[in-house]
Amino acid sequence: MEDTRRIVLIGKSGSGKSNLANTIFGDSVFNVNHSSDSKSNFSQAKTRVMNGLTLTLIDTPGIYNIDRTQEEIQREIFSCYIESSPGPHAFIFVLLVEKFTEQEQAIVDQIQRDFGDDVFRYTTVVFTHGDQLPETMKISEFVSQSNGLRDLVQKCGNRCYVIDNKYWNNTMLNEYRSNRFQIQQILHSIESTCRQNSNGYFVNEMLQQVEIDIQKEQDRIRKSGGRAAGESRDEAKQIVLQNYMKRQRKKRFLKYAIIVSGISVISYILMSKVVGFFMGTVASEGAPVGSEVLSSSVVEVVQDAVAPIKSALDYVIEIIEAVFNRRTRLQYNKTDAL
């Protein structure tokens, strides 16, 4: 049986992920960022030995904040994959004890799209700010009051717990409203989840590719410098992330180059169309045209000219991205063959 557990904490900024990680470790290991602006951060991993078990927690920087672009989300997921490679044994979805809104439901849907349906087999839901619960209420009762929460927790095998990093640290009178008790339950739940999944970890195609890339870089580093395994793997992770960022910049440059070229083409065609329209109008009518009628006609000309060009540009961008992704996969396969 593997004596290592890799656990990814996901949730929007401000939900208490870093505080929860520190509570699990019993120490201030992760920096707590109270600002919702965490765009510049990547996932961070910290490891501690607890009760003979090597526990690695991966804190993600608000992957699913509403102000994130799809490109930023994918970048953060890739960073999370690198830190949790070859795969996380469990996910902790961190939520506040508050009303479950459409925003939270959108995050759940996005997680399912990004990681796949299997992710919920490995997920435990943990609520923070537990002191918001009425004195005698347990978290299961709170969950039962919302259809969205109830559906989410059921997908996660009814694994849900609650902590409060402000008021429950030294609670002795009420065992349930105690971080020590809740953390024990969370860790026990994760161990149970691992057993249910045959002590395996979550994996998908992207995670498999990330691990292949890390091992390749690790082998190259070992051969060139003779570093220890741990050092070479950490360095390999950084190189794989840097290579990913370079590929993203190339894709972004190509997209912008196409857009700029398209704008130039559109400008030329529009100018030709509008000039031709005016010349045709004057030649056919031989008299001034009403400004409102003329404006409406010009708009129609512009729309007719732009629509097919925009569709063509979108199609070209899709083709280039597909070719770029296929070329990247072929490079990986050639390296494998060598």
Protein backbone atom coordinates (compact mmCIF):
# COMPACT_ATOMS: atom_id res chain seq x y z
CA MET A 1 0.00 0.00 0.00
CA GLU A 2 1.35 3.46 -0.99
CA ASP A 3 2.26 5.58 2.03
CA THR A 4 1.82 8.88 0.15
CA ARG A 5 -1.35 10.88 -0.34
CA ARG A 6 -1.63 13.78 -2.78
CA ILE A 7 -4.68 15.94 -2.12
CA VAL A 8 -5.82 18.87 -4.27
CA LEU A 9 -7.88 21.67 -2.71
CA ILE A 10 -10.16 23.44 -5.17
CA GLY A 11 -12.65 26.28 -4.81
CA LYS A 12 -12.94 29.98 -5.48
CA SER A 13 -10.70 32.54 -3.78
CA GLY A 14 -11.84 33.42 -0.27
CA SER A 15 -13.39 30.04 0.40
CA GLY A 16 -10.65 29.17 2.91
CA LYS A 17 -8.51 26.64 1.00
CA SER A 18 -5.18 27.84 2.40
CA ASN A 19 -6.55 28.07 5.93
CA LEU A 20 -7.95 24.55 5.63
CA ALA A 21 -4.57 23.24 4.42
CA ASN A 22 -2.84 24.89 7.39
CA THR A 23 -5.43 23.43 9.76
CA ILE A 24 -4.85 19.93 8.35
CA PHE A 25 -1.09 20.30 8.83
CA GLY A 26 -1.48 22.01 12.19
CA ASP A 27 0.94 24.70 11.10
CA SER A 28 1.03 27.89 8.99
CA VAL A 29 2.57 26.28 5.92
CA PHE A 30 0.62 28.09 3.20
CA ASN A 31 0.39 31.85 2.89
CA VAL A 32 -3.19 33.00 3.30
CA ASN A 33 -4.16 35.53 0.63
CA HIS A 34 -7.31 37.36 1.68
CA SER A 35 -7.51 39.16 -1.66
CA SER A 36 -9.58 37.66 -4.46
CA ASP A 37 -6.92 38.75 -6.97
CA SER A 38 -4.72 35.65 -7.22
CA LYS A 39 -4.16 35.72 -10.98
CA SER A 40 -0.38 35.73 -10.77
CA ASN A 41 -0.13 32.61 -8.60
CA PHE A 42 0.31 28.98 -9.58
CA SER A 43 -0.66 25.93 -7.56
CA GLN A 44 1.56 25.32 -4.54
CA ALA A 45 2.37 21.97 -2.99
CA LYS A 46 3.59 21.34 0.56
CA THR A 47 4.45 17.99 2.11
CA ARG A 48 4.42 16.84 5.72
CA VAL A 49 4.60 13.45 7.42
CA MET A 50 1.56 12.78 9.59
CA ASN A 51 1.11 9.57 11.55
CA GLY A 52 3.59 7.78 9.30
CA LEU A 53 1.82 8.98 6.15
CA THR A 54 3.46 11.37 3.69
CA LEU A 55 0.77 13.93 2.98
CA THR A 56 1.08 16.41 0.10
CA LEU A 57 -1.50 19.19 -0.12
CA ILE A 58 -1.86 21.15 -3.35
CA ASP A 59 -3.41 24.58 -2.87
CA THR A 60 -4.91 26.01 -6.06
CA PRO A 61 -5.23 29.80 -6.48
CA GLY A 62 -8.92 30.25 -7.13
CA ILE A 63 -9.05 28.42 -10.46
CA TYR A 64 -12.77 29.04 -10.84
CA ASN A 65 -13.04 32.70 -9.93
CA ILE A 66 -15.64 34.40 -12.13
CA ASP A 67 -13.04 36.83 -13.54
CA ARG A 68 -10.88 34.02 -14.96
CA THR A 69 -10.57 33.54 -18.70
CA GLN A 70 -10.67 30.03 -20.13
CA GLU A 71 -6.97 30.31 -20.94
CA GLU A 72 -6.17 31.19 -17.31
CA ILE A 73 -8.30 28.30 -16.07
CA GLN A 74 -6.47 25.84 -18.33
CA ARG A 75 -3.10 27.23 -17.22
CA GLU A 76 -3.98 26.77 -13.55
CA ILE A 77 -5.31 23.26 -14.14
CA PHE A 78 -2.03 22.38 -15.89
CA SER A 79 -0.11 23.80 -12.90
CA CYS A 80 -2.29 21.72 -10.58
CA TYR A 81 -1.58 18.60 -12.67
CA ILE A 82 2.17 19.19 -12.46
CA GLU A 83 2.12 19.54 -8.67
CA SER A 84 -0.14 16.50 -8.18
CA SER A 85 1.47 14.25 -10.82
CA PRO A 86 1.19 11.33 -11.42
CA GLY A 87 -2.28 12.02 -10.01
CA PRO A 88 -4.12 13.16 -6.88
CA HIS A 89 -5.51 10.57 -4.51
CA ALA A 90 -8.28 12.94 -3.50
CA PHE A 91 -9.84 16.34 -4.15
CA ILE A 92 -11.26 18.58 -1.45
CA PHE A 93 -13.90 20.95 -2.78
CA VAL A 94 -13.96 23.91 -0.37
CA LEU A 95 -17.17 25.91 0.08
CA LEU A 96 -18.39 28.53 2.52
CA VAL A 97 -21.36 27.91 4.81
CA GLU A 98 -23.63 30.17 2.80
CA LYS A 99 -26.36 30.03 0.20
CA PHE A 100 -25.54 27.78 -2.75
CA THR A 101 -26.00 30.10 -5.72
CA GLU A 102 -25.84 29.77 -9.50
CA GLN A 103 -22.18 30.78 -9.27
CA GLU A 104 -21.33 27.76 -7.11
CA GLN A 105 -23.35 25.51 -9.42
CA ALA A 106 -21.44 26.91 -12.40
CA ILE A 107 -18.16 26.01 -10.64
CA VAL A 108 -19.38 22.44 -10.08
CA ASP A 109 -20.35 22.16 -13.76
CA GLN A 110 -16.98 23.57 -14.84
CA ILE A 111 -15.09 21.10 -12.64
CA GLN A 112 -17.04 18.26 -14.22
CA ARG A 113 -16.21 19.53 -17.73
CA ASP A 114 -12.52 20.05 -16.96
CA PHE A 115 -11.80 16.87 -14.97
CA GLY A 116 -14.56 14.50 -16.11
CA ASP A 117 -17.31 12.64 -14.25
CA ASP A 118 -14.85 10.44 -12.36
CA VAL A 119 -13.56 13.40 -10.35
CA PHE A 120 -16.46 13.14 -7.89
CA ARG A 121 -15.43 9.59 -6.94
CA TYR A 122 -12.31 11.15 -5.44
CA THR A 123 -13.88 14.31 -3.98
CA THR A 124 -14.79 15.28 -0.42
CA VAL A 125 -16.74 18.49 0.22
CA VAL A 126 -15.51 20.62 3.13
CA PHE A 127 -17.30 23.74 4.32
CA THR A 128 -15.54 26.58 6.10
CA HIS A 129 -16.90 29.26 8.47
CA GLY A 130 -18.72 26.54 10.39
CA ASP A 131 -19.72 29.00 13.11
CA GLN A 132 -22.36 30.27 10.69
CA LEU A 133 -24.27 27.06 11.38
CA PRO A 134 -26.96 27.27 14.05
CA GLU A 135 -25.71 25.84 17.35
CA THR A 136 -27.42 22.45 17.08
CA MET A 137 -27.24 22.02 13.28
CA LYS A 138 -24.88 19.58 11.59
CA ILE A 139 -23.54 20.16 8.13
CA SER A 140 -25.64 17.34 6.66
CA GLU A 141 -28.77 19.21 7.73
CA PHE A 142 -27.51 22.40 6.12
CA VAL A 143 -26.79 20.52 2.88
CA SER A 144 -30.28 18.99 2.83
CA GLN A 145 -31.83 22.47 2.61
CA SER A 146 -30.43 23.07 -0.91
CA ASN A 147 -31.12 20.90 -3.93
CA GLY A 148 -27.84 21.95 -5.55
CA LEU A 149 -25.76 21.15 -2.47
CA ARG A 150 -27.58 17.88 -1.91
CA ASP A 151 -26.92 16.78 -5.50
CA LEU A 152 -23.24 17.74 -5.23
CA VAL A 153 -22.67 15.88 -1.96
CA GLN A 154 -24.48 12.81 -3.28
CA LYS A 155 -22.16 12.79 -6.31
CA CYS A 156 -19.27 12.84 -3.84
CA GLY A 157 -20.50 9.78 -1.97
CA ASN A 158 -22.12 11.89 0.80
CA ARG A 159 -18.68 12.93 2.04
CA CYS A 160 -19.04 16.41 3.59
CA TYR A 161 -17.51 18.04 6.67
CA VAL A 162 -17.18 21.48 8.20
CA ILE A 163 -14.49 23.49 10.01
CA ASP A 164 -14.11 26.99 11.40
CA ASN A 165 -10.58 28.40 11.57
CA LYS A 166 -11.58 31.27 13.86
CA TYR A 167 -13.80 29.78 16.54
CA TRP A 168 -13.35 26.00 16.52
CA ASN A 169 -9.61 25.64 17.13
CA ASN A 170 -9.83 25.14 20.89
CA THR A 171 -13.40 23.92 21.29
CA MET A 172 -13.69 21.32 24.04
CA LEU A 173 -17.34 21.45 25.07
CA ASN A 174 -18.81 20.41 21.71
CA GLU A 175 -16.94 17.64 19.92
CA TYR A 176 -18.70 18.24 16.58
CA ARG A 177 -17.82 21.96 16.52
CA SER A 178 -14.12 21.18 16.83
CA ASN A 179 -11.51 21.43 14.08
CA ARG A 180 -9.55 18.55 15.56
CA PHE A 181 -12.57 16.25 15.34
CA GLN A 182 -13.51 17.43 11.82
CA ILE A 183 -9.96 17.08 10.45
CA GLN A 184 -9.80 13.52 11.78
CA GLN A 185 -13.07 12.81 9.99
CA ILE A 186 -11.80 14.40 6.76
CA LEU A 187 -8.58 12.37 6.73
CA HIS A 188 -10.48 9.20 7.59
CA SER A 189 -12.87 9.92 4.71
CA ILE A 190 -9.97 10.39 2.29
CA GLU A 191 -8.42 7.08 3.38
CA SER A 192 -11.79 5.41 2.88
CA THR A 193 -12.03 6.97 -0.58
CA CYS A 194 -8.57 5.64 -1.46
CA ARG A 195 -9.59 2.13 -0.43
CA GLN A 196 -12.76 2.38 -2.50
CA ASN A 197 -10.62 3.35 -5.48
CA SER A 198 -8.22 0.43 -4.89
CA ASN A 199 -5.61 2.78 -3.40
CA GLY A 200 -5.22 4.31 -6.83
CA TYR A 201 -5.21 7.95 -7.79
CA PHE A 202 -7.20 10.08 -10.19
CA VAL A 203 -5.78 10.10 -13.70
CA ASN A 204 -6.80 11.28 -17.15
CA GLU A 205 -5.08 11.76 -20.52
CA MET A 206 -3.58 15.12 -19.61
CA LEU A 207 -2.19 13.86 -16.30
CA GLN A 208 -0.62 10.89 -18.07
CA GLN A 209 1.07 13.21 -20.57
CA VAL A 210 2.28 15.53 -17.80
CA GLU A 211 3.91 12.62 -15.96
CA ILE A 212 5.59 11.42 -19.18
CA ASP A 213 6.99 14.91 -19.75
CA ILE A 214 8.25 15.18 -16.16
CA GLN A 215 9.99 11.81 -16.35
CA LYS A 216 11.67 12.75 -19.65
CA GLU A 217 13.01 15.99 -18.21
CA GLN A 218 14.00 14.21 -15.01
CA ASP A 219 16.02 11.64 -16.96
CA ARG A 220 17.69 14.38 -18.99
CA ILE A 221 18.62 16.32 -15.82
CA ARG A 222 20.01 13.22 -14.12
CA LYS A 223 22.19 12.35 -17.10
CA SER A 224 23.50 15.89 -17.42
CA GLY A 225 24.06 16.78 -13.77
CA GLY A 226 23.72 13.69 -11.62
CA ARG A 227 21.31 15.35 -9.20
CA ALA A 228 19.31 13.47 -6.59
CA ALA A 229 15.90 12.13 -7.60
CA GLY A 230 13.92 14.66 -5.57
CA GLU A 231 15.90 17.63 -6.84
CA SER A 232 15.73 16.52 -10.47
CA ARG A 233 11.97 15.96 -10.26
CA ASP A 234 11.32 19.42 -8.81
CA GLU A 235 13.45 20.98 -11.53
CA ALA A 236 11.74 18.86 -14.20
CA LYS A 237 8.33 20.11 -13.03
CA GLN A 238 9.44 23.71 -13.46
CA ILE A 239 10.77 23.00 -16.96
CA VAL A 240 7.52 21.28 -18.02
CA LEU A 241 5.50 24.26 -16.76
CA GLN A 242 7.80 26.71 -18.57
CA ASN A 243 7.48 24.72 -21.80
CA TYR A 244 3.70 24.78 -21.47
CA MET A 245 3.73 28.56 -20.99
CA LYS A 246 5.93 28.96 -24.08
CA ARG A 247 3.47 26.90 -26.16
CA GLN A 248 0.59 29.01 -24.87
CA ARG A 249 2.41 32.22 -25.82
CA LYS A 250 3.04 30.89 -29.33
CA LYS A 251 -0.62 29.98 -29.75
CA ARG A 252 -1.67 33.40 -28.46
CA PHE A 253 0.76 35.16 -30.83
CA LEU A 254 -0.57 33.18 -33.81
CA LYS A 255 -4.14 34.00 -32.87
CA TYR A 256 -3.41 37.72 -32.52
CA ALA A 257 -1.44 37.73 -35.77
CA ILE A 258 -4.40 36.21 -37.59
CA ILE A 259 -6.79 38.69 -36.01
CA VAL A 260 -4.62 41.67 -36.99
CA SER A 261 -4.29 40.32 -40.53
CA GLY A 262 -8.04 39.80 -40.64
CA ILE A 263 -8.70 43.35 -39.50
CA SER A 264 -6.45 44.64 -42.26
CA VAL A 265 -8.29 42.55 -44.85
CA ILE A 266 -11.67 43.65 -43.50
CA SER A 267 -10.62 47.31 -43.58
CA TYR A 268 -9.53 47.01 -47.21
CA ILE A 269 -12.71 45.20 -48.28
CA LEU A 270 -14.94 47.62 -46.38
CA MET A 271 -13.27 50.63 -47.95
CA SER A 272 -13.68 49.10 -51.40
CA LYS A 273 -17.33 48.21 -50.73
CA VAL A 274 -18.25 51.62 -49.32
CA VAL A 275 -16.48 53.54 -52.10
CA GLY A 276 -18.15 51.31 -54.67
CA PHE A 277 -21.52 51.82 -52.99
CA PHE A 278 -21.23 55.61 -53.04
CA MET A 279 -20.05 55.69 -56.64
CA GLY A 280 -22.86 53.36 -57.68
CA THR A 281 -25.48 55.41 -55.84
CA VAL A 282 -24.36 58.68 -57.38
CA ALA A 283 -24.10 57.19 -60.86
CA SER A 284 -27.56 55.56 -60.75
CA GLU A 285 -29.58 58.33 -59.09
CA GLY A 286 -27.60 61.43 -59.99
CA ALA A 287 -28.86 63.16 -56.88
CA PRO A 288 -28.08 63.38 -53.14
CA VAL A 289 -29.49 60.60 -50.96
CA GLY A 290 -31.18 61.12 -47.57
CA SER A 291 -28.71 60.69 -44.67
CA GLU A 292 -30.84 58.14 -42.79
CA VAL A 293 -31.38 55.99 -45.84
CA LEU A 294 -27.72 56.26 -46.75
CA SER A 295 -26.58 55.32 -43.22
CA SER A 296 -28.84 52.29 -43.19
CA SER A 297 -27.56 51.17 -46.55
CA VAL A 298 -23.93 51.59 -45.51
CA VAL A 299 -24.54 49.50 -42.38
CA GLU A 300 -26.03 46.74 -44.50
CA VAL A 301 -23.01 46.83 -46.80
CA VAL A 302 -20.61 46.62 -43.85
CA GLN A 303 -22.50 43.73 -42.24
CA ASP A 304 -22.62 41.80 -45.48
CA ALA A 305 -18.87 42.27 -45.94
CA VAL A 306 -17.83 41.46 -42.38
CA ALA A 307 -19.95 38.34 -41.67
CA PRO A 308 -18.24 35.88 -44.06
CA ILE A 309 -14.77 37.23 -43.20
CA LYS A 310 -15.36 36.76 -39.47
CA SER A 311 -16.56 33.20 -40.03
CA ALA A 312 -13.51 32.49 -42.17
CA LEU A 313 -11.16 33.89 -39.52
CA ASP A 314 -12.77 31.81 -36.77
CA TYR A 315 -12.40 28.72 -38.93
CA VAL A 316 -8.74 29.48 -39.68
CA ILE A 317 -7.98 29.99 -35.97
CA GLU A 318 -9.60 26.62 -35.12
CA ILE A 319 -7.54 24.88 -37.82
CA ILE A 320 -4.27 26.43 -36.64
CA GLU A 321 -4.96 25.45 -33.00
CA ALA A 322 -5.81 21.90 -34.08
CA VAL A 323 -2.64 21.66 -36.19
CA PHE A 324 -0.58 23.11 -33.34
CA ASN A 325 -1.97 20.59 -30.83
CA ARG A 326 -1.45 17.71 -33.27
CA ARG A 327 2.13 18.83 -33.92
CA THR A 328 2.79 18.94 -30.18
CA ARG A 329 1.46 15.38 -29.75
CA LEU A 330 3.59 14.16 -32.65
CA GLN A 331 6.68 15.69 -31.04
CA TYR A 332 5.91 13.82 -27.82
CA ASN A 333 5.41 10.58 -29.73
CA LYS A 334 8.70 11.01 -31.61
CA THR A 335 10.51 11.58 -28.34
CA ASP A 336 8.88 8.43 -26.92
CA ALA A 337 10.08 6.45 -29.93
CA LEU A 338 13.63 7.62 -29.36
